[in-house]
Amino acid sequence: MHWAEELIGKKWARKPNPPVTYNCGELVRHIYKTRLGIDSPDIVADPANLRAVLGDVRNLARYGEFAVVEAPREYDVVWMFRRSDPDHIGVYVETADGGMVLHCLRGFGVVLDSPFELRAQGWKSLQYMRHSMVGVAECC
């Protein structure tokens, strides 16, 4: 079983309580902490205020440890854009069917979508970012 399968279907919550409920930022944070041993500060912004959440994520102390990459691989962070600023985040997952993005949506919970499906849902572009420890700290 792929590690991502245990997360699919978990519920979205305004105030997440991993590993039971998530929002998009806390899902990424949980995966990095439990799978890679990479911790980051809590996201304290109100989940109803998307601009505040994204600002909080962008300002995390560990953000400087990420670099944009063209060819994603397992555990890369995926920023999703509807306009000029990212407004959603997920984690890249390598599957037998190709690359997919694990993310958490209000009303749906944790889902796994292909980049094609994400674009069909209105995400105009995707940006992949790799943490400096991915590939070094990989776990199970």
Protein backbone atom coordinates (compact mmCIF):
# COMPACT_ATOMS: atom_id res chain seq x y z
CA MET A 1 0.00 0.00 0.00
CA HIS A 2 1.27 3.47 -0.87
CA TRP A 3 1.62 5.81 2.14
CA ALA A 4 -0.85 8.32 0.64
CA GLU A 5 -3.71 5.81 0.66
CA GLU A 6 -4.04 6.02 4.45
CA LEU A 7 -4.84 9.74 4.13
CA ILE A 8 -7.35 9.68 1.26
CA GLY A 9 -10.87 10.35 2.50
CA LYS A 10 -9.83 12.02 5.77
CA LYS A 11 -12.12 14.95 6.50
CA TRP A 12 -11.44 18.66 6.04
CA ALA A 13 -11.85 20.79 9.17
CA ARG A 14 -11.70 24.50 9.82
CA LYS A 15 -9.59 23.74 12.88
CA PRO A 16 -7.74 20.58 11.83
CA ASN A 17 -6.77 17.83 14.22
CA PRO A 18 -4.24 15.57 12.41
CA PRO A 19 -4.33 12.64 11.86
CA VAL A 20 -8.14 12.74 11.94
CA THR A 21 -8.95 15.99 10.11
CA TYR A 22 -6.94 18.40 7.92
CA ASN A 23 -6.92 21.54 5.86
CA CYS A 24 -4.52 21.91 2.92
CA GLY A 25 -1.65 23.49 4.86
CA GLU A 26 -1.88 21.14 7.82
CA LEU A 27 -1.97 18.13 5.49
CA VAL A 28 1.36 19.19 3.96
CA ARG A 29 2.79 19.95 7.39
CA HIS A 30 1.65 16.55 8.74
CA ILE A 31 3.15 14.64 5.79
CA TYR A 32 6.48 16.41 6.14
CA LYS A 33 6.60 15.82 9.89
CA THR A 34 5.48 12.16 9.95
CA ARG A 35 7.01 10.92 6.69
CA LEU A 36 10.21 12.97 6.49
CA GLY A 37 10.86 14.17 10.04
CA ILE A 38 10.77 17.80 8.84
CA ASP A 39 8.79 19.99 11.22
CA SER A 40 7.56 23.53 10.68
CA PRO A 41 5.69 26.02 12.86
CA ASP A 42 1.93 25.80 13.27
CA ILE A 43 -0.20 27.62 10.73
CA VAL A 44 -2.14 29.97 13.00
CA ALA A 45 -4.20 31.94 10.47
CA ASP A 46 -7.97 31.53 10.34
CA PRO A 47 -8.67 28.84 7.68
CA ALA A 48 -11.68 30.85 6.49
CA ASN A 49 -9.30 33.65 5.45
CA LEU A 50 -7.40 32.08 2.54
CA ARG A 51 -5.17 35.13 2.06
CA ALA A 52 -4.06 34.97 5.72
CA VAL A 53 -3.41 31.21 5.55
CA LEU A 54 -1.28 31.54 2.42
CA GLY A 55 0.59 34.47 3.93
CA ASP A 56 1.25 32.39 7.04
CA VAL A 57 2.49 29.44 4.95
CA ARG A 58 4.74 31.69 2.83
CA ASN A 59 6.26 33.20 5.97
CA LEU A 60 7.13 29.91 7.66
CA ALA A 61 10.73 29.85 8.83
CA ARG A 62 11.40 26.77 6.71
CA TYR A 63 10.09 28.32 3.47
CA GLY A 64 13.64 29.35 2.56
CA GLU A 65 14.60 25.68 2.48
CA PHE A 66 12.45 25.11 -0.62
CA ALA A 67 13.49 25.64 -4.23
CA VAL A 68 11.31 25.66 -7.35
CA VAL A 69 11.83 22.56 -9.53
CA GLU A 70 10.57 21.78 -13.03
CA ALA A 71 10.33 17.98 -12.75
CA PRO A 72 8.51 17.00 -9.54
CA ARG A 73 9.13 13.89 -7.52
CA GLU A 74 7.65 12.24 -4.43
CA TYR A 75 7.08 14.64 -1.49
CA ASP A 76 7.56 17.86 -3.48
CA VAL A 77 5.18 20.62 -2.40
CA VAL A 78 2.68 21.64 -5.09
CA TRP A 79 1.41 25.23 -5.12
CA MET A 80 -1.81 25.64 -7.12
CA PHE A 81 -2.75 28.92 -8.77
CA ARG A 82 -6.13 30.20 -9.97
CA ARG A 83 -4.70 33.68 -10.55
CA SER A 84 -1.26 35.20 -10.00
CA ASP A 85 -0.88 34.07 -6.36
CA PRO A 86 -1.03 30.50 -5.11
CA ASP A 87 -4.26 29.70 -3.32
CA HIS A 88 -3.94 26.01 -2.52
CA ILE A 89 -1.18 23.56 -1.58
CA GLY A 90 -0.63 19.81 -1.78
CA VAL A 91 2.07 17.14 -2.00
CA TYR A 92 3.28 15.38 -5.15
CA VAL A 93 2.83 11.60 -5.08
CA GLU A 94 4.37 9.16 -7.56
CA THR A 95 1.92 6.42 -8.51
CA ALA A 96 1.79 3.64 -11.07
CA ASP A 97 -0.51 5.92 -13.11
CA GLY A 98 1.97 8.82 -13.05
CA GLY A 99 2.33 11.83 -10.81
CA MET A 100 -0.64 12.85 -8.67
CA VAL A 101 -1.27 15.57 -6.09
CA LEU A 102 -2.54 14.76 -2.60
CA HIS A 103 -4.46 17.72 -1.21
CA CYS A 104 -7.33 18.57 1.12
CA LEU A 105 -10.44 20.45 -0.01
CA ARG A 106 -13.31 21.86 2.01
CA GLY A 107 -16.35 19.66 1.41
CA PHE A 108 -14.28 16.76 0.01
CA GLY A 109 -11.46 16.07 2.46
CA VAL A 110 -8.17 14.54 1.37
CA VAL A 111 -8.15 13.62 -2.32
CA LEU A 112 -5.64 12.51 -4.94
CA ASP A 113 -5.85 14.22 -8.34
CA SER A 114 -3.71 14.25 -11.46
CA PRO A 115 -2.31 17.57 -12.72
CA PHE A 116 -4.77 17.25 -15.64
CA GLU A 117 -7.72 16.89 -13.22
CA LEU A 118 -6.50 19.88 -11.19
CA ARG A 119 -6.37 22.06 -14.30
CA ALA A 120 -9.88 20.88 -15.23
CA GLN A 121 -11.00 22.02 -11.74
CA GLY A 122 -9.76 25.55 -12.45
CA TRP A 123 -6.20 25.55 -11.14
CA LYS A 124 -4.51 27.48 -13.97
CA SER A 125 -0.97 26.44 -13.09
CA LEU A 126 1.02 24.34 -10.68
CA GLN A 127 4.41 25.14 -9.15
CA TYR A 128 6.56 22.40 -7.65
CA MET A 129 8.95 23.09 -4.79
CA ARG A 130 11.44 20.71 -3.22
CA HIS A 131 12.69 20.93 0.35
CA SER A 132 16.46 20.70 0.67
CA MET A 133 16.10 17.56 2.81
CA VAL A 134 13.81 15.62 0.43
CA GLY A 135 15.81 12.71 -0.89
CA VAL A 136 18.04 12.85 2.20
CA ALA A 137 15.43 12.47 4.96
CA GLU A 138 13.00 10.15 3.17
CA CYS A 139 11.39 7.70 5.45
CA CYS A 140 9.32 4.62 4.80
